[in-house]
Amino acid sequence: MSVATADDDAPLHRRHLAAKATEQLRDIILAQPPQTQIGALPDIAKLLGVGIATVQQVARVLEHEGLLEVRRGPGGGYFGTRPDVAALERSVAAYLRVRGSDAYEALEMMTLLDCELMPAAATCDDAALHRALATLAKRVDQCADGSARLLFEDDLHDILFRMVDRPLIELLARVSMRYYRSAPIAPIFDGADGFAAWRQWRSGIIDAIVRRDPELARFEAERHRRSLLQRLCQAIAAG
């Protein structure tokens, strides 16, 4: 191999080395509880079999991913962490805004995910969570104003996410909800008629889940999805 070819290959080799070291350290962090001290810079370099500069490059990547925290001073070093879900939600919502995504797309995604989440929740065999859902249903009649309904929706989805362990659906749903709520649009469940429609749907879907009837839960979710998107189109058209 000529000197020129070796020089040309050097950056590629360094990138490959850094990528491999990043994957190694990521696996080490995820195999241990959060806030575990991984070691000091020289320790990690020795552990990964790479140089100090490569460890620093790897650390920047994993810090950005929310998996590594660098603490300086006495007792410092490199500590494994976990991503801040709320910060991730905010970042993705900001990205959607930059890309020009709109409220309709956010609601479309929210309701599509609900059509999978709610039937799955109906198959959950955790009796305590079903009782929590039945207790929550008693609050439906108390949610006459928008702020109370938002709080109800958050509490409902918190229970559903515990009933259905599907992290990607949870993340996408939370991001979609955050982005939709930031959109400057008129309420789509406004007034007495809107409250009645919202109350009927929430009572119906919770009843289907508590009865452990996934087919009915899917039917209710899909029916509401069509109604909700239609209401949003009308609200947008009305300005």
Protein backbone atom coordinates (compact mmCIF):
# COMPACT_ATOMS: atom_id res chain seq x y z
CA MET A 1 0.00 0.00 0.00
CA SER A 2 1.37 3.42 -0.95
CA VAL A 3 1.82 6.20 1.60
CA ALA A 4 -0.90 8.23 -0.14
CA THR A 5 -3.39 5.37 0.11
CA ALA A 6 -2.60 4.81 3.79
CA ASP A 7 -3.13 8.51 4.47
CA ASP A 8 -6.43 8.42 2.61
CA ASP A 9 -7.61 5.44 4.67
CA ALA A 10 -6.62 6.92 8.04
CA PRO A 11 -9.75 9.09 8.57
CA LEU A 12 -11.98 6.13 7.69
CA HIS A 13 -10.11 3.93 10.18
CA ARG A 14 -10.48 6.55 12.91
CA ARG A 15 -14.22 6.87 12.28
CA HIS A 16 -14.61 3.09 12.41
CA LEU A 17 -12.60 2.93 15.63
CA ALA A 18 -14.68 5.70 17.23
CA ALA A 19 -17.96 4.09 16.14
CA LYS A 20 -16.91 0.73 17.57
CA ALA A 21 -15.78 2.33 20.84
CA THR A 22 -19.06 4.27 21.07
CA GLU A 23 -21.06 1.07 20.71
CA GLN A 24 -18.90 -0.67 23.33
CA LEU A 25 -19.28 2.10 25.88
CA ARG A 26 -23.01 2.42 25.18
CA ASP A 27 -23.43 -1.30 25.92
CA ILE A 28 -21.40 -0.97 29.14
CA ILE A 29 -23.55 1.95 30.32
CA LEU A 30 -26.86 0.27 29.52
CA ALA A 31 -25.80 -2.92 31.32
CA GLN A 32 -25.51 -1.01 34.62
CA PRO A 33 -27.94 1.05 36.71
CA PRO A 34 -28.15 4.81 35.99
CA GLN A 35 -25.61 7.01 37.78
CA THR A 36 -23.03 4.21 37.90
CA GLN A 37 -19.48 5.55 37.69
CA ILE A 38 -17.84 4.15 34.58
CA GLY A 39 -14.39 5.47 35.43
CA ALA A 40 -11.97 8.27 34.72
CA LEU A 41 -10.74 9.16 31.24
CA PRO A 42 -7.60 6.93 31.36
CA ASP A 43 -9.64 4.03 32.78
CA ILE A 44 -12.12 4.17 29.92
CA ALA A 45 -9.36 4.48 27.32
CA LYS A 46 -7.78 1.32 28.71
CA LEU A 47 -11.16 -0.44 28.93
CA LEU A 48 -11.96 0.29 25.29
CA GLY A 49 -8.43 -0.13 24.00
CA VAL A 50 -8.33 3.31 22.38
CA GLY A 51 -6.59 6.62 22.90
CA ILE A 52 -7.66 9.55 25.05
CA ALA A 53 -8.77 11.59 22.03
CA THR A 54 -11.08 8.79 20.87
CA VAL A 55 -12.65 8.51 24.33
CA GLN A 56 -13.33 12.24 24.32
CA GLN A 57 -14.98 11.91 20.91
CA VAL A 58 -17.08 8.97 22.14
CA ALA A 59 -18.05 10.88 25.29
CA ARG A 60 -19.41 13.79 23.24
CA VAL A 61 -21.63 11.42 21.26
CA LEU A 62 -22.99 9.65 24.33
CA GLU A 63 -23.50 12.91 26.22
CA HIS A 64 -25.61 14.10 23.29
CA GLU A 65 -27.62 10.85 23.48
CA GLY A 66 -28.22 11.45 27.19
CA LEU A 67 -26.33 8.31 28.21
CA LEU A 68 -23.21 9.84 29.73
CA GLU A 69 -22.49 12.59 32.22
CA VAL A 70 -19.02 14.01 32.78
CA ARG A 71 -18.45 15.25 36.33
CA ARG A 72 -15.38 17.29 37.09
CA GLY A 73 -13.57 17.85 40.37
CA PRO A 74 -13.14 15.51 43.35
CA GLY A 75 -15.22 12.37 42.95
CA GLY A 76 -15.71 13.16 39.30
CA GLY A 77 -15.38 11.01 36.24
CA TYR A 78 -17.69 9.49 33.66
CA PHE A 79 -21.12 8.35 34.86
CA GLY A 80 -23.78 6.44 32.98
CA THR A 81 -27.18 8.14 32.77
CA ARG A 82 -30.44 7.74 30.89
CA PRO A 83 -32.04 10.09 28.35
CA ASP A 84 -34.41 12.75 29.70
CA VAL A 85 -37.68 11.80 28.03
CA ALA A 86 -39.22 15.25 28.53
CA ALA A 87 -36.21 16.90 26.90
CA LEU A 88 -36.42 14.43 24.03
CA GLU A 89 -40.10 15.25 23.57
CA ARG A 90 -39.30 18.97 23.46
CA SER A 91 -36.49 18.44 20.96
CA VAL A 92 -38.62 16.38 18.58
CA ALA A 93 -41.52 18.82 18.88
CA ALA A 94 -39.15 21.68 18.03
CA TYR A 95 -37.86 19.71 15.04
CA LEU A 96 -41.42 19.19 13.80
CA ARG A 97 -42.06 22.91 14.05
CA VAL A 98 -38.89 23.69 12.08
CA ARG A 99 -39.97 21.22 9.39
CA GLY A 100 -43.41 22.83 9.16
CA SER A 101 -45.47 19.95 10.51
CA ASP A 102 -49.01 21.00 11.39
CA ALA A 103 -51.68 20.23 13.98
CA TYR A 104 -53.53 17.90 11.62
CA GLU A 105 -50.48 15.68 11.18
CA ALA A 106 -49.92 15.59 14.95
CA LEU A 107 -53.54 14.66 15.66
CA GLU A 108 -53.48 12.12 12.84
CA MET A 109 -50.49 10.42 14.47
CA MET A 110 -51.94 10.65 18.01
CA THR A 111 -55.20 9.01 17.03
CA LEU A 112 -53.50 6.39 14.86
CA LEU A 113 -51.37 5.35 17.83
CA ASP A 114 -54.46 5.27 20.06
CA CYS A 115 -56.00 2.78 17.64
CA GLU A 116 -53.17 0.39 18.56
CA LEU A 117 -52.69 1.40 22.19
CA MET A 118 -56.28 1.07 23.37
CA PRO A 119 -57.04 -2.43 22.04
CA ALA A 120 -53.71 -3.57 23.49
CA ALA A 121 -54.66 -2.07 26.86
CA ALA A 122 -57.86 -4.12 26.80
CA THR A 123 -55.73 -7.28 26.79
CA CYS A 124 -53.75 -6.23 29.88
CA ASP A 125 -54.23 -8.67 32.78
CA ASP A 126 -53.12 -6.31 35.57
CA ALA A 127 -56.21 -5.98 37.77
CA ALA A 128 -54.79 -2.99 39.67
CA LEU A 129 -54.39 -0.99 36.46
CA HIS A 130 -57.91 -1.86 35.37
CA ARG A 131 -59.16 -0.59 38.74
CA ALA A 132 -57.14 2.61 38.29
CA LEU A 133 -58.76 3.10 34.90
CA ALA A 134 -62.24 2.50 36.31
CA THR A 135 -61.54 5.04 39.06
CA LEU A 136 -60.34 7.57 36.50
CA ALA A 137 -63.58 7.12 34.55
CA LYS A 138 -65.47 8.64 37.48
CA ARG A 139 -63.78 11.98 36.72
CA VAL A 140 -65.19 12.25 33.20
CA ASP A 141 -68.25 14.24 34.29
CA GLN A 142 -66.02 16.73 36.15
CA CYS A 143 -64.05 17.73 33.04
CA ALA A 144 -66.29 20.47 31.67
CA ASP A 145 -63.40 22.85 30.87
CA GLY A 146 -60.44 22.35 28.59
CA SER A 147 -57.73 22.38 31.27
CA ALA A 148 -59.49 19.62 33.23
CA ARG A 149 -59.78 17.55 30.05
CA LEU A 150 -56.07 17.96 29.29
CA LEU A 151 -55.19 16.74 32.78
CA PHE A 152 -57.59 13.82 32.34
CA GLU A 153 -56.00 12.91 29.00
CA ASP A 154 -52.54 12.92 30.59
CA ASP A 155 -53.69 10.71 33.46
CA LEU A 156 -55.48 8.37 31.06
CA HIS A 157 -52.45 7.92 28.85
CA ASP A 158 -50.15 7.44 31.85
CA ILE A 159 -52.29 4.44 32.82
CA LEU A 160 -52.47 3.15 29.25
CA PHE A 161 -48.68 3.33 28.87
CA ARG A 162 -48.35 1.25 32.04
CA MET A 163 -50.85 -1.27 30.69
CA VAL A 164 -49.04 -1.53 27.36
CA ASP A 165 -45.25 -1.73 27.49
CA ARG A 166 -44.45 -0.36 24.03
CA PRO A 167 -41.86 2.40 24.50
CA LEU A 168 -41.80 3.58 20.88
CA ILE A 169 -45.57 4.06 20.78
CA GLU A 170 -45.36 5.92 24.10
CA LEU A 171 -42.62 8.24 22.85
CA LEU A 172 -44.36 9.01 19.55
CA ALA A 173 -47.68 9.56 21.32
CA ARG A 174 -46.19 11.94 23.88
CA VAL A 175 -44.35 13.91 21.20
CA SER A 176 -47.51 14.14 19.08
CA MET A 177 -49.57 15.31 22.07
CA ARG A 178 -47.00 17.93 23.03
CA TYR A 179 -46.79 19.28 19.49
CA TYR A 180 -50.55 19.27 18.94
CA ARG A 181 -51.18 21.19 22.15
CA SER A 182 -48.71 23.87 21.10
CA ALA A 183 -50.62 24.55 17.87
CA PRO A 184 -52.58 27.82 17.72
CA ILE A 185 -55.98 26.35 16.83
CA ALA A 186 -59.45 26.71 18.28
CA PRO A 187 -60.64 24.00 20.72
CA ILE A 188 -62.38 21.15 18.91
CA PHE A 189 -64.50 20.12 21.90
CA ASP A 190 -65.82 23.58 22.64
CA GLY A 191 -69.08 24.36 24.42
CA ALA A 192 -71.72 22.02 25.85
CA ASP A 193 -71.99 19.96 22.67
CA GLY A 194 -68.24 19.47 22.51
CA PHE A 195 -68.07 18.41 26.15
CA ALA A 196 -70.92 15.94 25.62
CA ALA A 197 -69.14 14.41 22.61
CA TRP A 198 -65.83 14.16 24.48
CA ARG A 199 -67.50 12.66 27.56
CA GLN A 200 -69.37 10.06 25.50
CA TRP A 201 -66.23 8.94 23.71
CA ARG A 202 -63.98 8.79 26.77
CA SER A 203 -66.60 6.88 28.74
CA GLY A 204 -67.08 4.46 25.84
CA ILE A 205 -63.41 3.71 25.28
CA ILE A 206 -62.63 3.30 28.98
CA ASP A 207 -65.62 0.98 29.37
CA ALA A 208 -64.37 -1.16 26.48
CA ILE A 209 -60.90 -1.44 28.01
CA VAL A 210 -62.19 -2.19 31.52
CA ARG A 211 -64.46 -4.87 30.03
CA ARG A 212 -61.31 -6.28 28.38
CA ASP A 213 -62.88 -6.19 24.93
CA PRO A 214 -60.10 -5.32 22.45
CA GLU A 215 -62.38 -5.43 19.39
CA LEU A 216 -64.77 -2.92 20.94
CA ALA A 217 -61.83 -0.77 22.07
CA ARG A 218 -60.48 -0.68 18.51
CA PHE A 219 -63.93 0.12 17.12
CA GLU A 220 -64.34 3.03 19.55
CA ALA A 221 -60.81 4.33 18.88
CA GLU A 222 -61.22 4.21 15.10
CA ARG A 223 -64.66 5.81 15.23
CA HIS A 224 -63.39 8.61 17.42
CA ARG A 225 -60.36 9.10 15.17
CA ARG A 226 -62.56 9.82 12.18
CA SER A 227 -64.74 12.19 14.20
CA LEU A 228 -61.78 14.00 15.74
CA LEU A 229 -60.01 14.61 12.43
CA GLN A 230 -63.26 15.88 10.93
CA ARG A 231 -63.73 18.27 13.86
CA LEU A 232 -60.18 19.55 13.47
CA CYS A 233 -60.69 20.20 9.75
CA GLN A 234 -63.80 22.20 10.61
CA ALA A 235 -61.97 24.18 13.31
CA ILE A 236 -59.11 24.99 10.93
CA ALA A 237 -61.54 26.02 8.17
CA ALA A 238 -63.40 28.27 10.61
CA GLY A 239 -60.14 30.00 11.46
